[in-house]
Protein backbone atom coordinates (compact mmCIF):
# COMPACT_ATOMS: atom_id res chain seq x y z
CA MET A 1 0.00 0.00 0.00
CA CYS A 2 2.77 2.40 0.92
CA TYR A 3 4.62 1.80 -2.36
CA SER A 4 1.53 2.38 -4.47
CA LYS A 5 0.94 5.73 -2.75
CA VAL A 6 4.52 6.75 -3.52
CA LEU A 7 4.12 5.80 -7.17
CA ILE A 8 0.88 7.75 -7.49
CA ARG A 9 2.29 10.79 -5.72
CA ASN A 10 5.39 10.80 -7.91
CA ALA A 11 3.22 10.90 -11.03
CA GLU A 12 1.08 13.67 -9.55
CA LYS A 13 4.17 15.59 -8.49
CA ALA A 14 5.60 15.47 -12.02
CA THR A 15 2.30 16.74 -13.44
CA LEU A 16 2.12 19.55 -10.88
CA HIS A 17 5.70 20.60 -11.65
CA SER A 18 5.02 20.75 -15.39
CA VAL A 19 1.81 22.74 -14.88
CA ASN A 20 3.61 25.12 -12.53
CA LYS A 21 6.38 25.64 -15.08
CA GLU A 22 3.82 26.48 -17.78
CA GLU A 23 1.95 28.87 -15.48
CA CYS A 24 5.19 30.68 -14.68
CA ARG A 25 6.01 30.98 -18.37
CA VAL A 26 2.59 32.50 -19.08
CA LEU A 27 2.85 34.89 -16.12
CA ILE A 28 6.25 36.13 -17.23
CA GLY A 29 4.80 36.77 -20.68
CA CYS A 30 1.94 38.75 -19.15
CA TRP A 31 4.26 40.80 -16.96
CA GLN A 32 6.36 41.74 -19.98
CA SER A 33 3.39 42.90 -22.05
CA GLN A 34 2.56 46.51 -22.83
CA GLU A 35 -0.98 45.97 -21.52
CA PHE A 36 0.38 45.03 -18.09
CA MET A 37 2.69 48.04 -18.03
CA ASN A 38 -0.20 50.35 -18.92
CA ALA A 39 -2.37 48.85 -16.18
CA ILE A 40 0.38 49.28 -13.58
CA MET A 41 1.03 52.87 -14.62
CA SER A 42 -2.68 53.63 -14.48
CA PHE A 43 -3.00 52.00 -11.06
CA PHE A 44 -0.12 53.96 -9.55
CA SER A 45 -1.25 57.20 -11.19
CA SER A 46 -4.66 56.92 -9.56
CA LYS A 47 -3.07 56.06 -6.19
CA THR A 48 -0.75 59.09 -6.21
CA ALA A 49 -3.60 61.39 -7.25
CA LYS A 50 -5.55 60.36 -4.13
CA LEU A 51 -2.62 61.07 -1.81
């Protein structure tokens, strides 16, 4: 029983690592986009105007 759990968890762990890697790749792409930069600039502009 213990060995089967280890085998299942290893397969799940590999899947989770690959999904995490893909999510990180997509996030980095989003952070480098012009749309993201515009949103950040807009956000901070509205925050400084309220101060």
